[in-house]
């Protein structure tokens, strides 16, 4: 990832680290606005709020399995 000034994002920054053909340096406020407006590249971006909480690689964590309570014996 290129060295970006503080408060800037590279749009889009793909979750799978694949390079993009065209990327723009945008402010965090612009990033949030694009997400609100359903920008077409947001779902595959590491900065997408829908991915939080996420693992360091940007892939959402799976919920923990919950065991069903065992029935009481009579």
Protein backbone atom coordinates (compact mmCIF):
# COMPACT_ATOMS: atom_id res chain seq x y z
CA UNK A 1 0.00 0.00 0.00
CA UNK A 2 1.38 3.43 -0.85
CA UNK A 3 2.33 5.88 1.87
CA UNK A 4 -0.80 8.00 2.36
CA UNK A 5 -1.16 11.25 4.30
CA UNK A 6 -2.90 10.95 7.68
CA UNK A 7 -6.69 10.94 7.37
CA UNK A 8 -6.72 9.61 3.80
CA UNK A 9 -7.80 6.28 2.30
CA UNK A 10 -7.02 4.68 -1.01
CA UNK A 11 -10.39 4.00 -2.65
CA UNK A 12 -10.96 1.16 -3.11
CA UNK A 13 -8.54 -0.91 -0.99
CA UNK A 14 -9.57 -4.47 -1.75
CA UNK A 15 -9.94 -7.03 1.01
CA UNK A 16 -7.97 -9.65 -0.94
CA UNK A 17 -5.05 -7.23 -1.59
CA UNK A 18 -5.56 -7.52 -5.34
CA UNK A 19 -4.49 -4.40 -7.24
CA UNK A 20 -7.19 -2.16 -8.66
CA UNK A 21 -7.13 -0.56 -12.08
CA UNK A 22 -8.07 2.91 -10.85
CA UNK A 23 -7.78 4.11 -7.25
CA UNK A 24 -8.29 7.53 -5.71
CA UNK A 25 -6.88 9.08 -2.55
CA UNK A 26 -9.93 10.29 -0.61
CA UNK A 27 -10.65 11.66 2.85
CA UNK A 28 -12.29 9.52 5.51
CA UNK A 29 -15.38 11.77 5.28
CA UNK A 30 -15.64 11.08 1.54
CA UNK A 31 -15.25 7.36 2.24
CA UNK A 32 -18.14 7.48 4.73
CA UNK A 33 -20.29 9.46 2.28
CA UNK A 34 -19.66 6.92 -0.49
CA UNK A 35 -20.72 4.11 1.84
CA UNK A 36 -23.94 5.95 2.72
CA UNK A 37 -24.64 6.38 -1.00
CA UNK A 38 -23.95 2.67 -1.72
CA UNK A 39 -20.89 3.28 -3.91
CA UNK A 40 -20.48 0.16 -6.05
CA UNK A 41 -16.92 -0.63 -4.88
CA UNK A 42 -17.56 -0.35 -1.13
CA UNK A 43 -18.59 -3.99 -0.48
CA UNK A 44 -15.12 -5.26 -1.48
CA UNK A 45 -13.18 -2.57 0.40
CA UNK A 46 -11.36 -3.04 3.72
CA UNK A 47 -12.72 0.31 4.94
CA UNK A 48 -16.36 -0.78 4.55
CA UNK A 49 -18.15 -0.31 7.88
CA UNK A 50 -20.19 -3.47 7.26
CA UNK A 51 -16.97 -5.47 7.72
CA UNK A 52 -16.47 -4.39 11.33
CA UNK A 53 -15.56 -6.33 13.45
CA UNK A 54 -13.19 -8.05 11.08
CA UNK A 55 -9.98 -10.01 11.24
CA UNK A 56 -6.72 -8.26 10.31
CA UNK A 57 -7.08 -9.46 6.71
CA UNK A 58 -10.49 -7.77 6.44
CA UNK A 59 -12.54 -10.96 6.32
CA UNK A 60 -15.42 -10.88 8.84
CA UNK A 61 -15.12 -13.20 11.83
CA UNK A 62 -17.55 -16.09 12.02
CA UNK A 63 -19.85 -16.04 15.04
CA UNK A 64 -19.02 -18.50 17.83
CA UNK A 65 -21.03 -21.70 17.89
CA UNK A 66 -23.57 -21.92 20.69
CA UNK A 67 -24.51 -25.28 22.16
CA UNK A 68 -28.17 -25.98 22.72
CA UNK A 69 -29.05 -26.63 26.37
CA UNK A 70 -29.44 -30.28 27.26
CA UNK A 71 -32.93 -31.31 28.32
CA UNK A 72 -33.39 -32.08 32.02
CA UNK A 73 -33.84 -35.73 32.92
CA UNK A 74 -36.95 -36.50 34.96
